[in-house]
Amino acid sequence: MWVLQNSHAFGLRPELQTPLDLSTLPSPLHAVIIIAVYCVSLLATSLYLIHRRDIGGPS
Protein backbone atom coordinates (compact mmCIF):
# COMPACT_ATOMS: atom_id res chain seq x y z
CA MET A 1 0.00 0.00 0.00
CA TRP A 2 2.75 2.48 0.91
CA VAL A 3 4.64 1.72 -2.27
CA LEU A 4 1.56 2.39 -4.37
CA GLN A 5 0.94 5.67 -2.54
CA ASN A 6 4.54 6.71 -3.22
CA SER A 7 4.03 6.19 -6.92
CA HIS A 8 1.58 9.12 -7.15
CA ALA A 9 2.84 12.55 -8.16
CA PHE A 10 1.20 14.57 -5.33
CA GLY A 11 1.71 17.90 -7.02
CA LEU A 12 5.13 17.13 -8.48
CA ARG A 13 5.79 17.42 -12.17
CA PRO A 14 4.86 14.02 -13.62
CA GLU A 15 7.12 14.38 -16.65
CA LEU A 16 10.16 14.32 -14.34
CA GLN A 17 9.12 11.12 -12.56
CA THR A 18 9.64 7.63 -13.84
CA PRO A 19 6.80 5.12 -13.48
CA LEU A 20 7.13 2.62 -10.64
CA ASP A 21 7.63 -0.98 -11.73
CA LEU A 22 6.21 -3.22 -8.99
CA SER A 23 7.85 -6.31 -10.45
CA THR A 24 11.30 -5.05 -9.44
CA LEU A 25 10.39 -4.63 -5.77
CA PRO A 26 11.16 -7.35 -3.21
CA SER A 27 8.32 -9.29 -1.65
CA PRO A 28 6.76 -7.99 1.58
CA LEU A 29 8.15 -11.03 3.44
CA HIS A 30 11.66 -10.18 2.26
CA ALA A 31 11.23 -6.58 3.39
CA VAL A 32 9.99 -7.65 6.84
CA ILE A 33 12.93 -10.02 7.28
CA ILE A 34 15.45 -7.32 6.32
CA ILE A 35 13.89 -4.80 8.72
CA ALA A 36 13.78 -7.40 11.53
CA VAL A 37 17.47 -8.26 11.03
CA TYR A 38 18.34 -4.56 11.02
CA CYS A 39 16.39 -3.93 14.25
CA VAL A 40 17.90 -6.95 16.02
CA SER A 41 21.41 -5.92 15.03
CA LEU A 42 20.86 -2.37 16.31
CA LEU A 43 19.40 -3.69 19.55
CA ALA A 44 22.29 -6.12 20.07
CA THR A 45 24.87 -3.42 19.37
CA SER A 46 23.23 -0.95 21.75
CA LEU A 47 22.95 -3.54 24.53
CA TYR A 48 26.59 -4.50 24.07
CA LEU A 49 27.69 -0.87 24.24
CA ILE A 50 25.54 -0.16 27.31
CA HIS A 51 26.87 -3.17 29.21
CA ARG A 52 30.45 -2.33 28.26
CA ARG A 53 30.29 1.12 29.87
CA ASP A 54 31.52 1.67 33.40
CA ILE A 55 28.34 3.14 34.87
CA GLY A 56 29.13 2.30 38.50
CA GLY A 57 32.26 4.44 38.59
CA PRO A 58 35.61 3.39 40.01
CA SER A 59 35.57 0.58 42.55
PDB file of N, CA and C in Angstrom:
ATOM      1  N   MET A   1       0.818  -1.183   0.000  1.00  0.00           N
ATOM      2  CA  MET A   1       0.000   0.000   0.000  1.00  0.00           C
ATOM      3  C   MET A   1       0.867   1.253   0.000  1.00  0.00           C
ATOM      4  N   TRP A   2       1.903   1.288   0.847  1.00  0.00           N
ATOM      5  CA  TRP A   2       2.754   2.480   0.908  1.00  0.00           C
ATOM      6  C   TRP A   2       3.482   2.694  -0.408  1.00  0.00           C
ATOM      7  N   VAL A   3       3.913   1.603  -1.016  1.00  0.00           N
ATOM      8  CA  VAL A   3       4.640   1.723  -2.275  1.00  0.00           C
ATOM      9  C   VAL A   3       3.732   2.301  -3.343  1.00  0.00           C
ATOM     10  N   LEU A   4       2.485   1.855  -3.378  1.00  0.00           N
ATOM     11  CA  LEU A   4       1.560   2.388  -4.374  1.00  0.00           C
ATOM     12  C   LEU A   4       1.250   3.852  -4.108  1.00  0.00           C
ATOM     13  N   GLN A   5       1.159   4.259  -2.853  1.00  0.00           N
ATOM     14  CA  GLN A   5       0.938   5.669  -2.537  1.00  0.00           C
ATOM     15  C   GLN A   5       2.143   6.512  -2.941  1.00  0.00           C
ATOM     16  N   ASN A   6       3.346   5.961  -2.827  1.00  0.00           N
ATOM     17  CA  ASN A   6       4.544   6.706  -3.216  1.00  0.00           C
ATOM     18  C   ASN A   6       4.675   6.859  -4.717  1.00  0.00           C
ATOM     19  N   SER A   7       3.927   6.083  -5.484  1.00  0.00           N
ATOM     20  CA  SER A   7       4.027   6.193  -6.925  1.00  0.00           C
ATOM     21  C   SER A   7       3.218   7.354  -7.483  1.00  0.00           C
ATOM     22  N   HIS A   8       2.379   7.987  -6.693  1.00  0.00           N
ATOM     23  CA  HIS A   8       1.584   9.122  -7.147  1.00  0.00           C
ATOM     24  C   HIS A   8       2.430  10.395  -7.157  1.00  0.00           C
ATOM     25  N   ALA A   9       2.052  11.330  -7.992  1.00  0.00           N
ATOM     26  CA  ALA A   9       2.840  12.547  -8.165  1.00  0.00           C
ATOM     27  C   ALA A   9       2.686  13.509  -6.983  1.00  0.00           C
ATOM     28  N   PHE A  10       1.469  13.663  -6.446  1.00  0.00           N
ATOM     29  CA  PHE A  10       1.196  14.565  -5.326  1.00  0.00           C
ATOM     30  C   PHE A  10       1.705  15.977  -5.574  1.00  0.00           C
ATOM     31  N   GLY A  11       1.351  16.527  -6.717  1.00  0.00           N
ATOM     32  CA  GLY A  11       1.708  17.904  -7.021  1.00  0.00           C
ATOM     33  C   GLY A  11       3.055  18.080  -7.678  1.00  0.00           C
ATOM     34  N   LEU A  12       3.837  17.026  -7.810  1.00  0.00           N
ATOM     35  CA  LEU A  12       5.127  17.133  -8.478  1.00  0.00           C
ATOM     36  C   LEU A  12       4.930  17.056  -9.986  1.00  0.00           C
ATOM     37  N   ARG A  13       5.902  17.449 -10.714  1.00  0.00           N
ATOM     38  CA  ARG A  13       5.794  17.423 -12.165  1.00  0.00           C
ATOM     39  C   ARG A  13       5.901  15.981 -12.658  1.00  0.00           C
ATOM     40  N   PRO A  14       4.841  15.432 -13.216  1.00  0.00           N
ATOM     41  CA  PRO A  14       4.859  14.020 -13.617  1.00  0.00           C
ATOM     42  C   PRO A  14       5.829  13.694 -14.745  1.00  0.00           C
ATOM     43  N   GLU A  15       6.193  14.672 -15.562  1.00  0.00           N
ATOM     44  CA  GLU A  15       7.124  14.376 -16.652  1.00  0.00           C
ATOM     45  C   GLU A  15       8.539  14.128 -16.144  1.00  0.00           C
ATOM     46  N   LEU A  16       8.828  14.548 -14.909  1.00  0.00           N
ATOM     47  CA  LEU A  16      10.157  14.321 -14.338  1.00  0.00           C
ATOM     48  C   LEU A  16      10.242  13.010 -13.565  1.00  0.00           C
ATOM     49  N   GLN A  17       9.117  12.361 -13.337  1.00  0.00           N
ATOM     50  CA  GLN A  17       9.117  11.120 -12.564  1.00  0.00           C
ATOM     51  C   GLN A  17       9.025   9.916 -13.485  1.00  0.00           C
ATOM     52  N   THR A  18       9.721   8.867 -13.083  1.00  0.00           N
ATOM     53  CA  THR A  18       9.636   7.625 -13.840  1.00  0.00           C
ATOM     54  C   THR A  18       8.541   6.761 -13.233  1.00  0.00           C
ATOM     55  N   PRO A  19       7.848   5.979 -14.028  1.00  0.00           N
ATOM     56  CA  PRO A  19       6.798   5.124 -13.481  1.00  0.00           C
ATOM     57  C   PRO A  19       7.398   4.027 -12.596  1.00  0.00           C
ATOM     58  N   LEU A  20       6.674   3.630 -11.595  1.00  0.00           N
ATOM     59  CA  LEU A  20       7.128   2.624 -10.643  1.00  0.00           C
ATOM     60  C   LEU A  20       6.805   1.234 -11.173  1.00  0.00           C
ATOM     61  N   ASP A  21       7.811   0.389 -11.264  1.00  0.00           N
ATOM     62  CA  ASP A  21       7.626  -0.983 -11.728  1.00  0.00           C
ATOM     63  C   ASP A  21       7.575  -1.901 -10.516  1.00  0.00           C
ATOM     64  N   LEU A  22       6.379  -2.394 -10.181  1.00  0.00           N
ATOM     65  CA  LEU A  22       6.208  -3.216  -8.987  1.00  0.00           C
ATOM     66  C   LEU A  22       6.881  -4.574  -9.102  1.00  0.00           C
ATOM     67  N   SER A  23       7.205  -5.005 -10.300  1.00  0.00           N
ATOM     68  CA  SER A  23       7.846  -6.311 -10.448  1.00  0.00           C
ATOM     69  C   SER A  23       9.298  -6.303  -9.988  1.00  0.00           C
ATOM     70  N   THR A  24       9.907  -5.122  -9.874  1.00  0.00           N
ATOM     71  CA  THR A  24      11.300  -5.047  -9.441  1.00  0.00           C
ATOM     72  C   THR A  24      11.439  -4.937  -7.934  1.00  0.00           C
ATOM     73  N   LEU A  25      10.335  -4.762  -7.223  1.00  0.00           N
ATOM     74  CA  LEU A  25      10.392  -4.628  -5.768  1.00  0.00           C
ATOM     75  C   LEU A  25      10.475  -5.991  -5.100  1.00  0.00           C
ATOM     76  N   PRO A  26      11.133  -6.070  -3.925  1.00  0.00           N
ATOM     77  CA  PRO A  26      11.158  -7.346  -3.207  1.00  0.00           C
ATOM     78  C   PRO A  26       9.783  -7.645  -2.616  1.00  0.00           C
ATOM     79  N   SER A  27       9.593  -8.898  -2.240  1.00  0.00           N
ATOM     80  CA  SER A  27       8.316  -9.290  -1.655  1.00  0.00           C
ATOM     81  C   SER A  27       8.173  -8.670  -0.264  1.00  0.00           C
ATOM     82  N   PRO A  28       6.944  -8.526   0.232  1.00  0.00           N
ATOM     83  CA  PRO A  28       6.764  -7.986   1.583  1.00  0.00           C
ATOM     84  C   PRO A  28       7.448  -8.841   2.650  1.00  0.00           C
ATOM     85  N   LEU A  29       7.470 -10.155   2.473  1.00  0.00           N
ATOM     86  CA  LEU A  29       8.153 -11.026   3.436  1.00  0.00           C
ATOM     87  C   LEU A  29       9.641 -10.725   3.470  1.00  0.00           C
ATOM     88  N   HIS A  30      10.240 -10.527   2.323  1.00  0.00           N
ATOM     89  CA  HIS A  30      11.660 -10.183   2.258  1.00  0.00           C
ATOM     90  C   HIS A  30      11.928  -8.850   2.954  1.00  0.00           C
ATOM     91  N   ALA A  31      11.060  -7.885   2.753  1.00  0.00           N
ATOM     92  CA  ALA A  31      11.230  -6.576   3.388  1.00  0.00           C
ATOM     93  C   ALA A  31      11.111  -6.681   4.905  1.00  0.00           C
ATOM     94  N   VAL A  32      10.157  -7.476   5.389  1.00  0.00           N
ATOM     95  CA  VAL A  32       9.987  -7.646   6.837  1.00  0.00           C
ATOM     96  C   VAL A  32      11.208  -8.327   7.443  1.00  0.00           C
ATOM     97  N   ILE A  33      11.744  -9.321   6.761  1.00  0.00           N
ATOM     98  CA  ILE A  33      12.928 -10.022   7.278  1.00  0.00           C
ATOM     99  C   ILE A  33      14.126  -9.079   7.349  1.00  0.00           C
ATOM    100  N   ILE A  34      14.324  -8.268   6.334  1.00  0.00           N
ATOM    101  CA  ILE A  34      15.446  -7.323   6.324  1.00  0.00           C
ATOM    102  C   ILE A  34      15.303  -6.306   7.454  1.00  0.00           C
ATOM    103  N   ILE A  35      14.105  -5.775   7.647  1.00  0.00           N
ATOM    104  CA  ILE A  35      13.888  -4.800   8.719  1.00  0.00           C
ATOM    105  C   ILE A  35      14.069  -5.444  10.085  1.00  0.00           C
ATOM    106  N   ALA A  36      13.621  -6.693  10.246  1.00  0.00           N
ATOM    107  CA  ALA A  36      13.782  -7.396  11.525  1.00  0.00           C
ATOM    108  C   ALA A  36      15.259  -7.633  11.829  1.00  0.00           C
ATOM    109  N   VAL A  37      16.027  -8.044  10.829  1.00  0.00           N
ATOM    110  CA  VAL A  37      17.467  -8.262  11.034  1.00  0.00           C
ATOM    111  C   VAL A  37      18.152  -6.944  11.388  1.00  0.00           C
ATOM    112  N   TYR A  38      17.770  -5.879  10.734  1.00  0.00           N
ATOM    113  CA  TYR A  38      18.337  -4.560  11.021  1.00  0.00           C
ATOM    114  C   TYR A  38      18.022  -4.131  12.460  1.00  0.00           C
ATOM    115  N   CYS A  39      16.782  -4.320  12.895  1.00  0.00           N
ATOM    116  CA  CYS A  39      16.388  -3.930  14.252  1.00  0.00           C
ATOM    117  C   CYS A  39      17.103  -4.774  15.299  1.00  0.00           C
ATOM    118  N   VAL A  40      17.215  -6.071  15.072  1.00  0.00           N
ATOM    119  CA  VAL A  40      17.896  -6.948  16.022  1.00  0.00           C
ATOM    120  C   VAL A  40      19.374  -6.590  16.113  1.00  0.00           C
ATOM    121  N   SER A  41      19.999  -6.282  14.980  1.00  0.00           N
ATOM    122  CA  SER A  41      21.414  -5.919  15.029  1.00  0.00           C
ATOM    123  C   SER A  41      21.627  -4.596  15.763  1.00  0.00           C
ATOM    124  N   LEU A  42      20.733  -3.623  15.560  1.00  0.00           N
ATOM    125  CA  LEU A  42      20.864  -2.368  16.306  1.00  0.00           C
ATOM    126  C   LEU A  42      20.637  -2.570  17.797  1.00  0.00           C
ATOM    127  N   LEU A  43      19.666  -3.403  18.156  1.00  0.00           N
ATOM    128  CA  LEU A  43      19.405  -3.687  19.555  1.00  0.00           C
ATOM    129  C   LEU A  43      20.588  -4.394  20.200  1.00  0.00           C
ATOM    130  N   ALA A  44      21.147  -5.385  19.525  1.00  0.00           N
ATOM    131  CA  ALA A  44      22.289  -6.119  20.071  1.00  0.00           C
ATOM    132  C   ALA A  44      23.496  -5.207  20.241  1.00  0.00           C
ATOM    133  N   THR A  45      23.741  -4.346  19.274  1.00  0.00           N
ATOM    134  CA  THR A  45      24.866  -3.418  19.372  1.00  0.00           C
ATOM    135  C   THR A  45      24.672  -2.431  20.513  1.00  0.00           C
ATOM    136  N   SER A  46      23.466  -1.919  20.664  1.00  0.00           N
ATOM    137  CA  SER A  46      23.226  -0.954  21.745  1.00  0.00           C
ATOM    138  C   SER A  46      23.328  -1.621  23.112  1.00  0.00           C
ATOM    139  N   LEU A  47      22.820  -2.841  23.254  1.00  0.00           N
ATOM    140  CA  LEU A  47      22.949  -3.543  24.535  1.00  0.00           C
ATOM    141  C   LEU A  47      24.394  -3.855  24.857  1.00  0.00           C
ATOM    142  N   TYR A  48      25.166  -4.240  23.858  1.00  0.00           N
ATOM    143  CA  TYR A  48      26.588  -4.503  24.070  1.00  0.00           C
ATOM    144  C   TYR A  48      27.305  -3.235  24.530  1.00  0.00           C
ATOM    145  N   LEU A  49      27.022  -2.120  23.880  1.00  0.00           N
ATOM    146  CA  LEU A  49      27.692  -0.872  24.245  1.00  0.00           C
ATOM    147  C   LEU A  49      27.264  -0.373  25.617  1.00  0.00           C
ATOM    148  N   ILE A  50      26.003  -0.579  25.983  1.00  0.00           N
ATOM    149  CA  ILE A  50      25.542  -0.159  27.309  1.00  0.00           C
ATOM    150  C   ILE A  50      26.188  -1.008  28.402  1.00  0.00           C
ATOM    151  N   HIS A  51      26.286  -2.304  28.187  1.00  0.00           N
ATOM    152  CA  HIS A  51      26.869  -3.173  29.208  1.00  0.00           C
ATOM    153  C   HIS A  51      28.384  -3.008  29.292  1.00  0.00           C
ATOM    154  N   ARG A  52      29.007  -2.527  28.255  1.00  0.00           N
ATOM    155  CA  ARG A  52      30.449  -2.334  28.261  1.00  0.00           C
ATOM    156  C   ARG A  52      30.873  -1.094  29.042  1.00  0.00           C
ATOM    157  N   ARG A  53      29.955  -0.142  29.186  1.00  0.00           N
ATOM    158  CA  ARG A  53      30.291   1.117  29.868  1.00  0.00           C
ATOM    159  C   ARG A  53      30.462   0.896  31.360  1.00  0.00           C
ATOM    160  N   ASP A  54      31.274   1.725  31.948  1.00  0.00           N
ATOM    161  CA  ASP A  54      31.523   1.673  33.397  1.00  0.00           C
ATOM    162  C   ASP A  54      30.566   2.683  34.054  1.00  0.00           C
ATOM    163  N   ILE A  55      29.340   2.243  34.312  1.00  0.00           N
ATOM    164  CA  ILE A  55      28.341   3.139  34.868  1.00  0.00           C
ATOM    165  C   ILE A  55      28.501   3.294  36.380  1.00  0.00           C
ATOM    166  N   GLY A  56      29.018   2.270  37.023  1.00  0.00           N
ATOM    167  CA  GLY A  56      29.134   2.304  38.497  1.00  0.00           C
ATOM    168  C   GLY A  56      30.247   3.179  39.005  1.00  0.00           C
ATOM    169  N   GLY A  57      31.132   3.620  38.157  1.00  0.00           N
ATOM    170  CA  GLY A  57      32.257   4.438  38.590  1.00  0.00           C
ATOM    171  C   GLY A  57      33.401   3.566  39.066  1.00  0.00           C
ATOM    172  N   PRO A  58      34.442   4.182  39.554  1.00  0.00           N
ATOM    173  CA  PRO A  58      35.609   3.390  40.014  1.00  0.00           C
ATOM    174  C   PRO A  58      35.265   2.607  41.267  1.00  0.00           C
ATOM    175  N   SER A  59      35.845   1.412  41.360  1.00  0.00           N
ATOM    176  CA  SER A  59      35.566   0.584  42.553  1.00  0.00           C
ATOM    177  C   SER A  59      36.781   0.350  43.381  1.00  0.00           C
TER     178      SER A  59
END
